[in-house]
Amino acid sequence: MANNYFMIKEMPTLERPREKMINYGSNTLSNAELIAILIGSGNAKKNAIELSSEIINNFGGLIALTDITHEELTSIRGIGDAKACNILAALELNKRVSAYALKKRLKITSPNDVCNIFMDELRYDKKEKFIIVLLNTKSEIISKELISIGNLNSSIVHPREVYKYAIKKSAASVLFIHNHPSGNPDPSKNDKNITRRLTEVGEIIGINVVDHIIIGNNRYFSFKENNLI
């Protein structure tokens, strides 16, 4: 059987990822080409672009890479410690840039504002995550804090763990966000019970709960809009 493997240096110069970035800008590169620049080379059977495509496809798309581990990356033939660390470093920088953007005092005035910020981050996540967003007196974001990963229950999403961040950072109000990996944002009975419990505790300690928003696949459910808060 013929071997169709070819090295990136065999490609036309202006089609190579680095040259393409230099001449046309990073926004012209595909996801695989961007990762190819990070890893630099492929393996015995695949060039860097093909190997990068394998990474993306094996883990369910680009969004899924946000939670990838060193062990998962190095399980792929051709990805050693150095290449894995390059990828993880780039992903971590992206997370930090995103966190910095939140600190630029984005203002929350409606559920749509929340979705514009968090929809892309959570809609494809395969794990259920519960996040608390801390707001100042002008409804501007102070920070976001990840409270739990996994199916929500009252023992994991405990008021003590949820409100310690709000108290420490002197938040005037908070809103809760979690995602449904199924894509359907309709709240479960457990979602309603947890929201009621957290809202009651917020009233006691003087921190207003603005809303609880469930993120689905390009859909959301707002407890505030549905008169559940």
Protein backbone atom coordinates (compact mmCIF):
# COMPACT_ATOMS: atom_id res chain seq x y z
CA MET A 1 0.00 0.00 0.00
CA ALA A 2 1.32 3.42 -0.90
CA ASN A 3 2.26 5.73 1.94
CA ASN A 4 0.53 9.10 1.48
CA TYR A 5 2.44 10.70 4.36
CA PHE A 6 4.16 13.96 3.50
CA MET A 7 6.04 16.45 5.61
CA ILE A 8 4.91 20.05 6.02
CA LYS A 9 8.13 21.24 4.40
CA GLU A 10 6.96 19.47 1.23
CA MET A 11 3.87 21.70 1.06
CA PRO A 12 3.92 24.89 -1.05
CA THR A 13 5.63 27.54 1.04
CA LEU A 14 2.61 29.82 1.51
CA GLU A 15 0.42 26.87 2.58
CA ARG A 16 2.66 25.96 5.51
CA PRO A 17 1.13 27.05 8.85
CA ARG A 18 3.95 29.36 9.98
CA GLU A 19 4.34 31.05 6.63
CA LYS A 20 0.58 31.33 6.27
CA MET A 21 0.35 33.01 9.67
CA ILE A 22 3.18 35.43 8.87
CA ASN A 23 1.77 36.41 5.48
CA TYR A 24 -1.97 36.33 6.09
CA GLY A 25 -2.52 36.47 9.87
CA SER A 26 -3.34 33.88 12.54
CA ASN A 27 -7.08 34.18 11.91
CA THR A 28 -6.64 32.52 8.51
CA LEU A 29 -5.37 29.28 10.05
CA SER A 30 -7.57 26.30 10.84
CA ASN A 31 -7.67 24.89 14.37
CA ALA A 32 -5.44 22.03 13.28
CA GLU A 33 -2.92 24.43 11.72
CA LEU A 34 -2.74 26.47 14.92
CA ILE A 35 -2.06 23.37 17.01
CA ALA A 36 0.46 22.22 14.38
CA ILE A 37 2.49 25.36 15.06
CA LEU A 38 2.49 24.49 18.77
CA ILE A 39 3.66 20.90 18.33
CA GLY A 40 6.08 21.63 15.49
CA SER A 41 6.26 18.14 13.99
CA GLY A 42 4.21 15.01 13.45
CA ASN A 43 4.96 11.33 13.94
CA ALA A 44 6.15 8.56 11.63
CA LYS A 45 2.82 8.36 9.80
CA LYS A 46 1.30 11.84 10.09
CA ASN A 47 2.57 15.36 9.62
CA ALA A 48 1.93 18.03 12.27
CA ILE A 49 -1.38 19.14 10.74
CA GLU A 50 -2.73 15.58 10.48
CA LEU A 51 -1.59 14.82 14.02
CA SER A 52 -3.28 18.00 15.25
CA SER A 53 -6.51 16.97 13.54
CA GLU A 54 -6.27 13.64 15.33
CA ILE A 55 -5.96 15.43 18.67
CA ILE A 56 -9.04 17.54 17.99
CA ASN A 57 -11.13 14.63 16.69
CA ASN A 58 -10.10 12.17 19.41
CA PHE A 59 -11.31 14.42 22.19
CA GLY A 60 -14.55 15.63 20.63
CA GLY A 61 -13.64 19.01 19.19
CA LEU A 62 -11.74 22.14 20.15
CA ILE A 63 -13.95 23.04 23.12
CA ALA A 64 -13.26 19.68 24.77
CA LEU A 65 -9.53 20.47 24.82
CA THR A 66 -10.10 23.00 27.60
CA ASP A 67 -10.23 20.13 30.10
CA ILE A 68 -7.64 17.85 28.52
CA THR A 69 -4.86 16.45 30.69
CA HIS A 70 -1.18 15.80 30.11
CA GLU A 71 -1.82 12.07 30.35
CA GLU A 72 -4.55 12.18 27.71
CA LEU A 73 -2.38 14.13 25.30
CA THR A 74 0.66 11.90 25.67
CA SER A 75 -1.50 8.84 25.03
CA ILE A 76 -1.49 9.90 21.36
CA ARG A 77 1.42 8.55 19.35
CA GLY A 78 3.76 11.38 18.49
CA ILE A 79 2.78 13.61 21.42
CA GLY A 80 5.48 13.57 24.05
CA ASP A 81 5.98 15.70 27.14
CA ALA A 82 7.29 18.73 25.24
CA LYS A 83 4.43 18.86 22.72
CA ALA A 84 1.83 18.20 25.42
CA CYS A 85 3.24 21.02 27.54
CA ASN A 86 3.13 23.43 24.59
CA ILE A 87 -0.56 22.67 24.04
CA LEU A 88 -1.43 22.87 27.75
CA ALA A 89 0.46 26.16 28.10
CA ALA A 90 -1.49 27.69 25.20
CA LEU A 91 -4.79 26.49 26.68
CA GLU A 92 -3.89 27.91 30.09
CA LEU A 93 -2.96 31.27 28.57
CA ASN A 94 -6.36 31.34 26.86
CA LYS A 95 -8.09 30.67 30.18
CA ARG A 96 -6.15 33.47 31.84
CA VAL A 97 -6.91 35.93 29.06
CA SER A 98 -10.60 35.03 29.38
CA ALA A 99 -10.43 35.51 33.14
CA TYR A 100 -8.75 38.88 32.64
CA ALA A 101 -11.54 39.93 30.28
CA LEU A 102 -14.05 39.21 33.01
CA LYS A 103 -12.16 41.57 35.29
CA LYS A 104 -12.73 44.42 32.84
CA ARG A 105 -16.01 44.96 34.62
CA LEU A 106 -18.46 43.52 32.12
CA LYS A 107 -21.96 44.52 33.15
CA ILE A 108 -24.83 42.07 33.55
CA THR A 109 -28.24 43.55 32.81
CA SER A 110 -30.11 40.53 31.45
CA PRO A 111 -29.84 36.75 30.88
CA ASN A 112 -28.72 37.53 27.33
CA ASP A 113 -25.64 39.26 28.72
CA VAL A 114 -24.80 36.11 30.67
CA CYS A 115 -25.28 33.90 27.63
CA ASN A 116 -23.12 36.13 25.45
CA ILE A 117 -20.29 35.63 27.90
CA PHE A 118 -20.71 32.00 28.93
CA MET A 119 -22.64 30.17 26.20
CA ASP A 120 -19.66 29.18 24.07
CA GLU A 121 -17.68 28.16 27.12
CA LEU A 122 -20.34 25.79 28.49
CA ARG A 123 -22.69 24.67 25.71
CA TYR A 124 -20.47 21.82 24.49
CA ASP A 125 -19.03 20.82 27.84
CA LYS A 126 -19.55 17.12 28.53
CA LYS A 127 -19.42 17.66 32.29
CA GLU A 128 -21.98 19.55 34.33
CA LYS A 129 -20.40 22.59 35.97
CA PHE A 130 -21.81 24.98 38.56
CA ILE A 131 -20.40 28.51 38.54
CA ILE A 132 -21.04 31.53 40.74
CA VAL A 133 -20.55 34.97 39.22
CA LEU A 134 -19.83 37.77 41.69
CA LEU A 135 -21.21 41.24 40.97
CA ASN A 136 -20.56 44.66 42.45
CA THR A 137 -23.18 47.32 43.22
CA LYS A 138 -23.25 48.33 39.53
CA SER A 139 -23.96 44.73 38.42
CA GLU A 140 -20.45 44.51 36.97
CA ILE A 141 -18.57 41.22 37.12
CA ILE A 142 -15.97 40.99 39.87
CA SER A 143 -15.05 37.38 39.16
CA LYS A 144 -16.42 33.95 38.40
CA GLU A 145 -15.75 30.89 40.56
CA LEU A 146 -16.15 27.23 39.66
CA ILE A 147 -17.98 25.52 42.53
CA SER A 148 -18.43 21.96 41.30
CA ILE A 149 -18.00 19.57 38.39
CA GLY A 150 -20.45 16.69 38.01
CA ASN A 151 -24.15 16.10 38.62
CA LEU A 152 -25.51 18.73 40.95
CA ASN A 153 -26.66 17.78 44.40
CA SER A 154 -27.13 19.67 47.64
CA SER A 155 -24.05 18.15 49.27
CA ILE A 156 -21.73 19.33 46.49
CA VAL A 157 -23.35 22.73 45.88
CA HIS A 158 -23.38 23.65 49.56
CA PRO A 159 -24.18 27.26 50.58
CA ARG A 160 -20.98 27.43 52.62
CA GLU A 161 -18.85 26.69 49.56
CA VAL A 162 -20.92 28.90 47.28
CA TYR A 163 -21.03 32.04 49.39
CA LYS A 164 -17.50 31.98 50.79
CA TYR A 165 -16.27 33.60 47.57
CA ALA A 166 -18.98 36.25 47.64
CA ILE A 167 -18.18 37.14 51.23
CA LYS A 168 -14.41 37.15 50.70
CA LYS A 169 -14.66 39.46 47.68
CA SER A 170 -17.44 41.65 49.11
CA ALA A 171 -19.90 40.94 46.31
CA ALA A 172 -23.12 42.95 46.35
CA SER A 173 -25.01 40.26 44.47
CA VAL A 174 -24.44 36.97 42.69
CA LEU A 175 -25.82 34.90 39.88
CA PHE A 176 -25.51 31.19 39.38
CA ILE A 177 -24.81 29.40 36.12
CA HIS A 178 -24.66 25.74 35.29
CA ASN A 179 -24.83 23.74 32.09
CA HIS A 180 -26.79 20.69 30.99
CA PRO A 181 -24.60 18.47 28.76
CA SER A 182 -27.80 17.03 27.25
CA GLY A 183 -28.38 20.40 25.58
CA ASN A 184 -31.82 20.77 27.20
CA PRO A 185 -31.73 23.66 29.71
CA ASP A 186 -35.05 22.88 31.43
CA PRO A 187 -34.48 22.71 35.21
CA SER A 188 -34.78 19.46 37.14
CA LYS A 189 -36.46 19.19 40.52
CA ASN A 190 -33.00 19.11 42.06
CA ASP A 191 -32.02 22.30 40.20
CA LYS A 192 -35.07 24.05 41.66
CA ASN A 193 -34.39 22.79 45.18
CA ILE A 194 -30.76 23.91 45.10
CA THR A 195 -31.72 27.32 43.73
CA ARG A 196 -34.35 27.83 46.41
CA ARG A 197 -31.93 26.83 49.14
CA LEU A 198 -29.15 29.10 47.91
CA THR A 199 -31.55 32.02 47.46
CA GLU A 200 -32.83 31.64 51.02
CA VAL A 201 -29.29 31.61 52.39
CA GLY A 202 -28.45 34.68 50.29
CA GLU A 203 -31.37 36.54 51.85
CA ILE A 204 -30.17 35.65 55.33
CA ILE A 205 -26.60 36.87 54.78
CA GLY A 206 -27.65 39.90 52.73
CA ILE A 207 -26.40 38.89 49.28
CA ASN A 208 -28.99 39.13 46.53
CA VAL A 209 -29.29 36.31 44.01
CA VAL A 210 -29.87 38.02 40.65
CA ASP A 211 -30.61 34.87 38.67
CA HIS A 212 -29.77 31.24 38.07
CA ILE A 213 -29.23 30.46 34.41
CA ILE A 214 -28.98 26.98 32.94
CA ILE A 215 -27.02 26.77 29.70
CA GLY A 216 -28.06 24.26 27.03
CA ASN A 217 -27.10 23.94 23.38
CA ASN A 218 -27.67 27.51 22.18
CA ARG A 219 -30.61 27.73 24.60
CA TYR A 220 -30.91 28.86 28.18
CA PHE A 221 -33.35 28.81 31.08
CA SER A 222 -33.55 31.79 33.43
CA PHE A 223 -35.06 31.26 36.87
CA LYS A 224 -35.67 35.02 37.05
CA GLU A 225 -37.52 35.20 33.76
CA ASN A 226 -39.66 32.26 34.80
CA ASN A 227 -40.50 33.81 38.20
CA LEU A 228 -38.67 31.11 40.15
CA ILE A 229 -36.48 33.64 41.94
